[in-house]
C-alpha atoms as a PDB file:
ATOM      1  CA  UNK A   1     118.784   8.361 139.555  1.00  0.00           C
ATOM      2  CA  UNK A   2     122.151   8.815 141.436  1.00  0.00           C
ATOM      3  CA  UNK A   3     123.626   8.793 138.734  1.00  0.00           C
ATOM      4  CA  UNK A   4     121.607  12.565 137.995  1.00  0.00           C
ATOM      5  CA  UNK A   5     122.195  13.708 141.292  1.00  0.00           C
ATOM      6  CA  UNK A   6     125.515  13.792 141.070  1.00  0.00           C
ATOM      7  CA  UNK A   7     125.582  15.265 137.691  1.00  0.00           C
ATOM      8  CA  UNK A   8     123.368  18.022 139.535  1.00  0.00           C
ATOM      9  CA  UNK A   9     126.073  18.579 142.380  1.00  0.00           C
ATOM     10  CA  UNK A  10     128.650  18.666 139.749  1.00  0.00           C
ATOM     11  CA  UNK A  11     126.949  20.699 137.419  1.00  0.00           C
ATOM     12  CA  UNK A  12     126.678  23.332 140.344  1.00  0.00           C
ATOM     13  CA  UNK A  13     129.443  23.059 142.233  1.00  0.00           C
ATOM     14  CA  UNK A  14     131.090  23.760 138.269  1.00  0.00           C
ATOM     15  CA  UNK A  15     129.231  27.406 137.991  1.00  0.00           C
ATOM     16  CA  UNK A  16     129.833  28.851 141.889  1.00  0.00           C
ATOM     17  CA  UNK A  17     133.530  27.996 141.229  1.00  0.00           C
ATOM     18  CA  UNK A  18     133.342  29.968 137.464  1.00  0.00           C
ATOM     19  CA  UNK A  19     131.161  32.882 139.265  1.00  0.00           C
ATOM     20  CA  UNK A  20     134.320  33.595 141.990  1.00  0.00           C
ATOM     21  CA  UNK A  21     136.354  36.880 141.425  1.00  0.00           C
ATOM     22  CA  UNK A  22     139.692  36.473 139.830  1.00  0.00           C
ATOM     23  CA  UNK A  23     142.015  37.811 142.253  1.00  0.00           C
ATOM     24  CA  UNK A  24     144.129  41.324 141.119  1.00  0.00           C
ATOM     25  CA  UNK A  25     147.262  41.364 139.978  1.00  0.00           C
ATOM     26  CA  UNK A  26     149.015  43.804 141.533  1.00  0.00           C
ATOM     27  CA  UNK A  27     152.201  43.004 139.948  1.00  0.00           C
ATOM     28  CA  UNK A  28     155.694  41.314 140.898  1.00  0.00           C
ATOM     29  CA  UNK A  29     156.790  41.775 144.740  1.00  0.00           C
ATOM     30  CA  UNK A  30     158.508  43.271 146.306  1.00  0.00           C
ATOM     31  CA  UNK A  31     158.510  47.044 144.910  1.00  0.00           C
ATOM     32  CA  UNK A  32     162.137  47.310 145.024  1.00  0.00           C
ATOM     33  CA  UNK A  33     164.586  49.582 143.292  1.00  0.00           C
ATOM     34  CA  UNK A  34     168.811  48.349 144.091  1.00  0.00           C
ATOM     35  CA  UNK A  35     171.556  48.111 142.179  1.00  0.00           C
ATOM     36  CA  UNK A  36     175.535  47.946 141.862  1.00  0.00           C
ATOM     37  CA  UNK A  37     177.323  50.157 141.923  1.00  0.00           C
ATOM     38  CA  UNK A  38     180.897  49.811 140.158  1.00  0.00           C
ATOM     39  CA  UNK A  39     184.066  52.031 139.432  1.00  0.00           C
ATOM     40  CA  UNK A  40     185.024  52.108 135.492  1.00  0.00           C
ATOM     41  CA  UNK A  41     188.421  50.726 134.070  1.00  0.00           C
ATOM     42  CA  UNK A  42     188.798  48.271 136.651  1.00  0.00           C
ATOM     43  CA  UNK A  43     184.864  46.854 137.967  1.00  0.00           C
ATOM     44  CA  UNK A  44     185.888  47.429 141.338  1.00  0.00           C
ATOM     45  CA  UNK A  45     182.726  47.821 144.083  1.00  0.00           C
ATOM     46  CA  UNK A  46     182.503  51.436 145.366  1.00  0.00           C
ATOM     47  CA  UNK A  47     181.383  51.878 148.533  1.00  0.00           C
ATOM     48  CA  UNK A  48     179.912  54.848 150.362  1.00  0.00           C
ATOM     49  CA  UNK A  49     178.453  56.257 146.959  1.00  0.00           C
ATOM     50  CA  UNK A  50     174.690  58.522 147.813  1.00  0.00           C
ATOM     51  CA  UNK A  51     172.469  57.448 145.806  1.00  0.00           C
ATOM     52  CA  UNK A  52     169.174  59.072 146.005  1.00  0.00           C
ATOM     53  CA  UNK A  53     165.653  58.333 145.271  1.00  0.00           C
ATOM     54  CA  UNK A  54     162.832  61.027 143.579  1.00  0.00           C
ATOM     55  CA  UNK A  55     159.758  60.431 142.851  1.00  0.00           C
ATOM     56  CA  UNK A  56     156.284  60.043 144.827  1.00  0.00           C
ATOM     57  CA  UNK A  57     156.686  59.726 148.772  1.00  0.00           C
ATOM     58  CA  UNK A  58     157.256  56.207 149.397  1.00  0.00           C
ATOM     59  CA  UNK A  59     157.950  54.182 152.458  1.00  0.00           C
ATOM     60  CA  UNK A  60     161.786  54.479 154.169  1.00  0.00           C
ATOM     61  CA  UNK A  61     165.045  56.132 153.328  1.00  0.00           C
ATOM     62  CA  UNK A  62     165.285  58.484 150.528  1.00  0.00           C
ATOM     63  CA  UNK A  63     168.984  58.117 150.274  1.00  0.00           C
ATOM     64  CA  UNK A  64     171.041  55.270 151.049  1.00  0.00           C
ATOM     65  CA  UNK A  65     175.002  54.694 150.512  1.00  0.00           C
ATOM     66  CA  UNK A  66     176.312  51.347 148.844  1.00  0.00           C
ATOM     67  CA  UNK A  67     177.859  48.775 150.775  1.00  0.00           C
ATOM     68  CA  UNK A  68     181.006  47.231 150.629  1.00  0.00           C
ATOM     69  CA  UNK A  69     179.701  45.247 147.481  1.00  0.00           C
ATOM     70  CA  UNK A  70     178.900  48.304 145.972  1.00  0.00           C
ATOM     71  CA  UNK A  71     174.962  47.335 146.325  1.00  0.00           C
ATOM     72  CA  UNK A  72     172.131  49.454 147.135  1.00  0.00           C
ATOM     73  CA  UNK A  73     167.935  48.801 147.624  1.00  0.00           C
ATOM     74  CA  UNK A  74     165.153  51.262 147.538  1.00  0.00           C
ATOM     75  CA  UNK A  75     161.566  49.179 149.225  1.00  0.00           C
ATOM     76  CA  UNK A  76     158.981  51.325 147.957  1.00  0.00           C
ATOM     77  CA  UNK A  77     156.082  49.738 149.546  1.00  0.00           C
ATOM     78  CA  UNK A  78     153.738  47.141 148.109  1.00  0.00           C
ATOM     79  CA  UNK A  79     152.028  49.157 146.697  1.00  0.00           C
ATOM     80  CA  UNK A  80     153.917  51.760 144.754  1.00  0.00           C
ATOM     81  CA  UNK A  81     154.768  51.572 141.048  1.00  0.00           C
ATOM     82  CA  UNK A  82     158.490  51.968 140.813  1.00  0.00           C
ATOM     83  CA  UNK A  83     157.911  53.365 137.284  1.00  0.00           C
ATOM     84  CA  UNK A  84     157.240  56.621 138.793  1.00  0.00           C
ATOM     85  CA  UNK A  85     160.995  56.607 140.534  1.00  0.00           C
ATOM     86  CA  UNK A  86     164.122  57.360 139.279  1.00  0.00           C
ATOM     87  CA  UNK A  87     167.568  57.407 141.071  1.00  0.00           C
ATOM     88  CA  UNK A  88     170.343  59.544 140.728  1.00  0.00           C
ATOM     89  CA  UNK A  89     173.763  58.442 141.319  1.00  0.00           C
ATOM     90  CA  UNK A  90     175.455  61.088 143.225  1.00  0.00           C
ATOM     91  CA  UNK A  91     178.869  61.140 142.019  1.00  0.00           C
ATOM     92  CA  UNK A  92     180.276  64.613 142.237  1.00  0.00           C
ATOM     93  CA  UNK A  93     182.455  63.690 145.116  1.00  0.00           C
ATOM     94  CA  UNK A  94     186.026  64.398 144.960  1.00  0.00           C
ATOM     95  CA  UNK A  95     186.865  60.441 143.951  1.00  0.00           C
ATOM     96  CA  UNK A  96     184.103  60.155 141.403  1.00  0.00           C
ATOM     97  CA  UNK A  97     182.029  61.694 138.482  1.00  0.00           C
ATOM     98  CA  UNK A  98     178.557  61.020 137.494  1.00  0.00           C
ATOM     99  CA  UNK A  99     175.668  62.766 138.020  1.00  0.00           C
ATOM    100  CA  UNK A 100     172.340  61.462 136.417  1.00  0.00           C
ATOM    101  CA  UNK A 101     168.963  60.466 136.710  1.00  0.00           C
ATOM    102  CA  UNK A 102     168.164  56.655 135.624  1.00  0.00           C
ATOM    103  CA  UNK A 103     164.756  56.159 136.221  1.00  0.00           C
ATOM    104  CA  UNK A 104     162.812  52.989 136.365  1.00  0.00           C
ATOM    105  CA  UNK A 105     161.037  50.583 132.816  1.00  0.00           C
ATOM    106  CA  UNK A 106     158.782  48.367 135.285  1.00  0.00           C
ATOM    107  CA  UNK A 107     156.378  47.364 137.664  1.00  0.00           C
ATOM    108  CA  UNK A 108     157.685  46.517 140.712  1.00  0.00           C
ATOM    109  CA  UNK A 109     161.200  44.916 140.606  1.00  0.00           C
ATOM    110  CA  UNK A 110     163.989  46.677 138.899  1.00  0.00           C
ATOM    111  CA  UNK A 111     167.786  47.109 139.368  1.00  0.00           C
ATOM    112  CA  UNK A 112     169.704  49.566 138.350  1.00  0.00           C
ATOM    113  CA  UNK A 113     173.155  48.814 138.040  1.00  0.00           C
ATOM    114  CA  UNK A 114     175.695  51.965 137.379  1.00  0.00           C
ATOM    115  CA  UNK A 115     179.568  52.654 136.523  1.00  0.00           C
ATOM    116  CA  UNK A 116     181.232  55.654 138.226  1.00  0.00           C
ATOM    117  CA  UNK A 117     184.171  57.659 136.324  1.00  0.00           C
ATOM    118  CA  UNK A 118     187.053  57.594 138.866  1.00  0.00           C
ATOM    119  CA  UNK A 119     188.940  60.809 139.144  1.00  0.00           C
ATOM    120  CA  UNK A 120     192.247  61.574 138.361  1.00  0.00           C
ATOM    121  CA  UNK A 121     194.495  64.817 138.838  1.00  0.00           C
ATOM    122  CA  UNK A 122     196.947  66.084 136.067  1.00  0.00           C
ATOM    123  CA  UNK A 123     199.698  68.456 137.376  1.00  0.00           C
ATOM    124  CA  UNK A 124     201.023  70.681 134.791  1.00  0.00           C
ATOM    125  CA  UNK A 125     203.982  72.125 134.356  1.00  0.00           C
ATOM    126  CA  UNK A 126     203.983  75.261 132.628  1.00  0.00           C
ATOM    127  CA  UNK A 127     207.152  76.565 131.346  1.00  0.00           C
ATOM    128  CA  UNK A 128     208.199  79.997 129.782  1.00  0.00           C
ATOM    129  CA  UNK A 129     204.469  81.982 130.293  1.00  0.00           C
ATOM    130  CA  UNK A 130     205.401  85.122 129.772  1.00  0.00           C
ATOM    131  CA  UNK A 131     203.149  87.093 132.593  1.00  0.00           C
ATOM    132  CA  UNK A 132     201.111  89.786 131.724  1.00  0.00           C
ATOM    133  CA  UNK A 133     201.182  89.462 127.888  1.00  0.00           C
ATOM    134  CA  UNK A 134     197.729  88.508 126.440  1.00  0.00           C
ATOM    135  CA  UNK A 135     199.347  88.136 122.524  1.00  0.00           C
ATOM    136  CA  UNK A 136     200.846  85.104 124.760  1.00  0.00           C
ATOM    137  CA  UNK A 137     198.510  82.357 126.903  1.00  0.00           C
ATOM    138  CA  UNK A 138     197.748  78.643 126.434  1.00  0.00           C
ATOM    139  CA  UNK A 139     193.821  77.851 126.130  1.00  0.00           C
ATOM    140  CA  UNK A 140     192.666  74.391 127.470  1.00  0.00           C
ATOM    141  CA  UNK A 141     190.406  72.668 126.046  1.00  0.00           C
ATOM    142  CA  UNK A 142     189.529  70.153 129.372  1.00  0.00           C
ATOM    143  CA  UNK A 143     185.764  70.945 130.532  1.00  0.00           C
ATOM    144  CA  UNK A 144     184.685  74.876 129.704  1.00  0.00           C
ATOM    145  CA  UNK A 145     187.508  76.056 127.889  1.00  0.00           C
ATOM    146  CA  UNK A 146     189.627  78.676 129.698  1.00  0.00           C
ATOM    147  CA  UNK A 147     192.447  80.571 128.958  1.00  0.00           C
ATOM    148  CA  UNK A 148     195.827  80.477 131.325  1.00  0.00           C
ATOM    149  CA  UNK A 149     198.170  83.968 131.018  1.00  0.00           C
ATOM    150  CA  UNK A 150     200.082  83.323 134.495  1.00  0.00           C
ATOM    151  CA  UNK A 151     204.134  83.414 135.708  1.00  0.00           C
ATOM    152  CA  UNK A 152     206.954  80.861 134.457  1.00  0.00           C
ATOM    153  CA  UNK A 153     207.089  78.019 136.003  1.00  0.00           C
ATOM    154  CA  UNK A 154     203.722  77.650 136.788  1.00  0.00           C
ATOM    155  CA  UNK A 155     201.608  74.495 138.268  1.00  0.00           C
ATOM    156  CA  UNK A 156     198.323  73.834 137.353  1.00  0.00           C
ATOM    157  CA  UNK A 157     196.527  70.572 138.392  1.00  0.00           C
ATOM    158  CA  UNK A 158     193.053  69.208 136.205  1.00  0.00           C
ATOM    159  CA  UNK A 159     190.684  66.922 137.051  1.00  0.00           C
ATOM    160  CA  UNK A 160     189.924  63.850 134.255  1.00  0.00           C
ATOM    161  CA  UNK A 161     188.270  60.777 134.166  1.00  0.00           C
ATOM    162  CA  UNK A 162     190.851  58.434 134.987  1.00  0.00           C
ATOM    163  CA  UNK A 163     191.422  54.561 134.302  1.00  0.00           C
ATOM    164  CA  UNK A 164     191.682  55.425 130.505  1.00  0.00           C
ATOM    165  CA  UNK A 165     193.469  56.935 127.689  1.00  0.00           C
ATOM    166  CA  UNK A 166     192.631  60.623 127.143  1.00  0.00           C
ATOM    167  CA  UNK A 167     193.330  63.179 124.792  1.00  0.00           C
ATOM    168  CA  UNK A 168     194.860  66.088 126.634  1.00  0.00           C
ATOM    169  CA  UNK A 169     194.221  69.548 123.757  1.00  0.00           C
ATOM    170  CA  UNK A 170     195.649  72.631 124.384  1.00  0.00           C
ATOM    171  CA  UNK A 171     195.874  76.176 121.878  1.00  0.00           C
ATOM    172  CA  UNK A 172     199.246  77.658 122.344  1.00  0.00           C
ATOM    173  CA  UNK A 173     199.300  81.572 121.106  1.00  0.00           C
ATOM    174  CA  UNK A 174     202.661  83.392 120.945  1.00  0.00           C
ATOM    175  CA  UNK A 175     202.328  86.794 119.489  1.00  0.00           C
ATOM    176  CA  UNK A 176     198.673  86.521 118.854  1.00  0.00           C
ATOM    177  CA  UNK A 177     199.510  83.117 116.684  1.00  0.00           C
ATOM    178  CA  UNK A 178     198.316  80.309 117.650  1.00  0.00           C
ATOM    179  CA  UNK A 179     199.093  76.561 116.949  1.00  0.00           C
ATOM    180  CA  UNK A 180     197.552  73.721 118.095  1.00  0.00           C
ATOM    181  CA  UNK A 181     198.806  70.583 120.810  1.00  0.00           C
ATOM    182  CA  UNK A 182     197.776  67.275 121.688  1.00  0.00           C
ATOM    183  CA  UNK A 183     199.489  64.802 124.159  1.00  0.00           C
ATOM    184  CA  UNK A 184     197.501  61.797 125.343  1.00  0.00           C
ATOM    185  CA  UNK A 185     197.386  61.383 129.030  1.00  0.00           C
ATOM    186  CA  UNK A 186     196.090  58.322 131.298  1.00  0.00           C
ATOM    187  CA  UNK A 187     194.983  59.670 134.075  1.00  0.00           C
ATOM    188  CA  UNK A 188     195.047  56.895 137.587  1.00  0.00           C
ATOM    189  CA  UNK A 189     192.276  56.093 139.838  1.00  0.00           C
ATOM    190  CA  UNK A 190     192.296  58.613 142.554  1.00  0.00           C
ATOM    191  CA  UNK A 191     196.092  59.868 141.807  1.00  0.00           C
ATOM    192  CA  UNK A 192     197.839  62.714 140.451  1.00  0.00           C
ATOM    193  CA  UNK A 193     200.169  62.538 137.556  1.00  0.00           C
ATOM    194  CA  UNK A 194     202.646  65.373 136.188  1.00  0.00           C
ATOM    195  CA  UNK A 195     202.923  66.444 132.912  1.00  0.00           C
ATOM    196  CA  UNK A 196     205.061  69.210 131.545  1.00  0.00           C
ATOM    197  CA  UNK A 197     204.135  71.483 128.753  1.00  0.00           C
ATOM    198  CA  UNK A 198     207.135  73.470 127.485  1.00  0.00           C
ATOM    199  CA  UNK A 199     206.319  77.165 126.150  1.00  0.00           C
END
């Protein structure tokens, strides 16, 4: 008789336990987007880069600056789906350049690292450029191609991605006849190098 009672209690207990509602799986916490910004070519962390957050309204700031470790973090809130957000590595300042949208790919935690191109400048010394002669000019294939006709011994300063080899291309036109040239340069991050073009 005791065995039947114990068995009955066990069956009722198992039945009640199986009827309990399973807890909802709301995804991993915390729901954040974070990452590190480093400099391409050197791997050094970059401090003070503005990272912008885009997407639905969420608690916390919409833009942050990277710290001395190159680290940034957005806390999106416990109920947010981070897949609805993206960050913009705002690098369009004087020293770095990487525009672009970088989307979170998972619900919950996302780490989005990035490398920014350091800017470098090349000071071009143009020799013997004939002023005011449309048949004599130099056309640079740097960014948006543009032509230049200017004074003798003119100096121009152009910005390039730094810390890597770069093929600098240009055409020289004299008396209507164009000749293609290419020079290899290596701009240094946050610095200016000189390069002479003898025309």
